Every structure is written in structure tokens, then in C-alpha cells.
Amino acid sequence: MLNDATCFKAVYIVCGYTDRRAGMDRLAALVEAQTGSRPYVPDTLYLFCGRRTDRIKGLVWEGDGWLLLYRFAPVLYRYGLSTVYVLKNRNFL
């Protein structure tokens, strides 16, 4: 489990709603389509949100393959908070 994001050199939030069923290859293709550059950069975290704001997916290239992260935080849904709020205020969870 990742406790903090200090090991990442860059963190990108992909705008818009992303289908939660999307796998690693589809998410990587989405990053490449939106940015125009290849997402195979080590220590770079790409974050994706679906329609529900209590779930977030993360994608990291580790040099030899993808690492897919999934965070479910029901407390966000209970209090009506968004994942963007949590990303700005890291001490919340």
C-alpha cells in the first residue's frame, strides 16, 4: 500500500470521466491520446476518476510493466467530497 506520493517525480490528473472498467493498456492509450506523448515515464503517476467521486485509479510505469492502483474511499461519498479535495488536502484520509 502506498502511504504517500513522495516517490513520484510527477503526478497528473487526467481530466474528465474515465470508465472504471478500463484496464492498464486502455488507460495508457488514453494518456497518450490526450497528451500526445508516450506515458512510459518511470515514477510518474496518472490519476483517473469515474463518475462516482469516491473511487480513483492510478497508473504508474515501473520500467518493466504497469502498476495499477485503485482507491475506494467510502468516507468521501458519505460526506459528499470529491477526490480532487482529497488530493489537495492529503491529511484527510
C-alpha atoms as a PDB file:
ATOM      1  CA  MET A   1       0.000   0.000   0.000  1.00  0.00           C
ATOM      2  CA  LEU A   2       1.274   3.474  -0.838  1.00  0.00           C
ATOM      3  CA  ASN A   3       1.228   5.757   2.166  1.00  0.00           C
ATOM      4  CA  ASP A   4       2.409   8.898   0.452  1.00  0.00           C
ATOM      5  CA  ALA A   5       3.315  10.110  -3.007  1.00  0.00           C
ATOM      6  CA  THR A   6       6.807  11.412  -2.300  1.00  0.00           C
ATOM      7  CA  CYS A   7       8.412   8.776  -4.523  1.00  0.00           C
ATOM      8  CA  PHE A   8       6.730  10.143  -7.680  1.00  0.00           C
ATOM      9  CA  LYS A   9       8.531  12.764  -9.745  1.00  0.00           C
ATOM     10  CA  ALA A  10       5.281  13.924 -11.371  1.00  0.00           C
ATOM     11  CA  VAL A  11       1.557  13.436 -10.716  1.00  0.00           C
ATOM     12  CA  TYR A  12      -1.008  14.101 -13.447  1.00  0.00           C
ATOM     13  CA  ILE A  13      -4.776  14.193 -13.000  1.00  0.00           C
ATOM     14  CA  VAL A  14      -6.479  13.116 -16.223  1.00  0.00           C
ATOM     15  CA  CYS A  15      -9.468  15.396 -16.778  1.00  0.00           C
ATOM     16  CA  GLY A  16     -12.942  14.087 -17.494  1.00  0.00           C
ATOM     17  CA  TYR A  17     -14.705  10.907 -16.518  1.00  0.00           C
ATOM     18  CA  THR A  18     -12.956   7.609 -17.166  1.00  0.00           C
ATOM     19  CA  ASP A  19     -14.658   4.253 -17.461  1.00  0.00           C
ATOM     20  CA  ARG A  20     -13.748   2.352 -14.291  1.00  0.00           C
ATOM     21  CA  ARG A  21     -13.675  -0.897 -16.258  1.00  0.00           C
ATOM     22  CA  ALA A  22     -10.679   0.335 -18.253  1.00  0.00           C
ATOM     23  CA  GLY A  23      -7.506  -1.660 -17.785  1.00  0.00           C
ATOM     24  CA  MET A  24      -3.874  -0.657 -17.855  1.00  0.00           C
ATOM     25  CA  ASP A  25      -3.454  -0.648 -21.636  1.00  0.00           C
ATOM     26  CA  ARG A  26      -6.605   1.361 -22.226  1.00  0.00           C
ATOM     27  CA  LEU A  27      -5.662   3.939 -19.596  1.00  0.00           C
ATOM     28  CA  ALA A  28      -2.167   4.248 -21.078  1.00  0.00           C
ATOM     29  CA  ALA A  29      -3.697   4.753 -24.528  1.00  0.00           C
ATOM     30  CA  LEU A  30      -5.959   7.450 -23.079  1.00  0.00           C
ATOM     31  CA  VAL A  31      -2.964   9.293 -21.616  1.00  0.00           C
ATOM     32  CA  GLU A  32      -1.122   9.042 -24.931  1.00  0.00           C
ATOM     33  CA  ALA A  33      -4.155  10.312 -26.863  1.00  0.00           C
ATOM     34  CA  GLN A  34      -4.694  13.303 -24.568  1.00  0.00           C
ATOM     35  CA  THR A  35      -1.068  14.368 -24.156  1.00  0.00           C
ATOM     36  CA  GLY A  36       0.422  13.302 -27.478  1.00  0.00           C
ATOM     37  CA  SER A  37       3.415  11.774 -25.723  1.00  0.00           C
ATOM     38  CA  ARG A  38       4.133   8.236 -24.587  1.00  0.00           C
ATOM     39  CA  PRO A  39       3.258   7.587 -20.927  1.00  0.00           C
ATOM     40  CA  TYR A  40       6.163   5.202 -20.312  1.00  0.00           C
ATOM     41  CA  VAL A  41       7.938   7.520 -17.861  1.00  0.00           C
ATOM     42  CA  PRO A  42       9.111   5.893 -14.623  1.00  0.00           C
ATOM     43  CA  ASP A  43       7.965   7.407 -11.301  1.00  0.00           C
ATOM     44  CA  THR A  44       5.067   9.268 -12.916  1.00  0.00           C
ATOM     45  CA  LEU A  45       1.561   8.802 -11.526  1.00  0.00           C
ATOM     46  CA  TYR A  46      -1.541   9.303 -13.668  1.00  0.00           C
ATOM     47  CA  LEU A  47      -4.841   9.580 -11.780  1.00  0.00           C
ATOM     48  CA  PHE A  48      -8.275   8.813 -13.256  1.00  0.00           C
ATOM     49  CA  CYS A  49     -11.756   9.408 -11.829  1.00  0.00           C
ATOM     50  CA  GLY A  50     -15.050   7.829 -12.755  1.00  0.00           C
ATOM     51  CA  ARG A  51     -18.491   9.321 -12.293  1.00  0.00           C
ATOM     52  CA  ARG A  52     -18.510   8.459  -8.607  1.00  0.00           C
ATOM     53  CA  THR A  53     -16.131  10.638  -6.667  1.00  0.00           C
ATOM     54  CA  ASP A  54     -15.264   8.058  -4.025  1.00  0.00           C
ATOM     55  CA  ARG A  55     -13.179   5.904  -6.387  1.00  0.00           C
ATOM     56  CA  ILE A  56      -9.918   6.746  -8.116  1.00  0.00           C
ATOM     57  CA  LYS A  57      -7.490   4.764 -10.279  1.00  0.00           C
ATOM     58  CA  GLY A  58      -3.794   5.353 -10.595  1.00  0.00           C
ATOM     59  CA  LEU A  59      -1.384   4.187 -13.277  1.00  0.00           C
ATOM     60  CA  VAL A  60       2.403   4.024 -12.842  1.00  0.00           C
ATOM     61  CA  TRP A  61       5.051   2.743 -15.263  1.00  0.00           C
ATOM     62  CA  GLU A  62       7.720   0.884 -13.295  1.00  0.00           C
ATOM     63  CA  GLY A  63      10.155   0.212 -16.125  1.00  0.00           C
ATOM     64  CA  ASP A  64       9.200  -3.433 -16.607  1.00  0.00           C
ATOM     65  CA  GLY A  65       5.414  -3.077 -16.572  1.00  0.00           C
ATOM     66  CA  TRP A  66       2.412  -1.136 -15.342  1.00  0.00           C
ATOM     67  CA  LEU A  67       1.248  -0.819 -11.755  1.00  0.00           C
ATOM     68  CA  LEU A  68      -2.497  -0.231 -11.465  1.00  0.00           C
ATOM     69  CA  LEU A  69      -3.690   1.381  -8.247  1.00  0.00           C
ATOM     70  CA  TYR A  70      -7.302   1.547  -7.115  1.00  0.00           C
ATOM     71  CA  ARG A  71      -8.540   3.573  -4.154  1.00  0.00           C
ATOM     72  CA  PHE A  72     -12.041   3.251  -2.754  1.00  0.00           C
ATOM     73  CA  ALA A  73     -12.861   5.759  -0.035  1.00  0.00           C
ATOM     74  CA  PRO A  74     -16.488   5.465   1.095  1.00  0.00           C
ATOM     75  CA  VAL A  75     -15.988   8.315   3.525  1.00  0.00           C
ATOM     76  CA  LEU A  76     -15.836  10.662   0.523  1.00  0.00           C
ATOM     77  CA  TYR A  77     -19.259   9.579  -0.669  1.00  0.00           C
ATOM     78  CA  ARG A  78     -20.704   9.895   2.821  1.00  0.00           C
ATOM     79  CA  TYR A  79     -19.541  13.500   3.196  1.00  0.00           C
ATOM     80  CA  GLY A  80     -20.080  14.491  -0.435  1.00  0.00           C
ATOM     81  CA  LEU A  81     -16.397  15.220  -1.049  1.00  0.00           C
ATOM     82  CA  SER A  82     -14.554  14.794  -4.310  1.00  0.00           C
ATOM     83  CA  THR A  83     -11.235  13.099  -4.937  1.00  0.00           C
ATOM     84  CA  VAL A  84      -9.814  16.458  -6.017  1.00  0.00           C
ATOM     85  CA  TYR A  85     -10.478  17.753  -2.494  1.00  0.00           C
ATOM     86  CA  VAL A  86      -8.609  14.817  -1.025  1.00  0.00           C
ATOM     87  CA  LEU A  87      -5.678  15.277  -3.414  1.00  0.00           C
ATOM     88  CA  LYS A  88      -5.346  18.904  -2.330  1.00  0.00           C
ATOM     89  CA  ASN A  89      -5.755  18.086   1.383  1.00  0.00           C
ATOM     90  CA  ARG A  90      -3.669  14.935   1.815  1.00  0.00           C
ATOM     91  CA  ASN A  91      -4.192  14.665   5.570  1.00  0.00           C
ATOM     92  CA  PHE A  92      -7.918  13.977   5.184  1.00  0.00           C
ATOM     93  CA  LEU A  93      -7.698  10.177   4.814  1.00  0.00           C
END
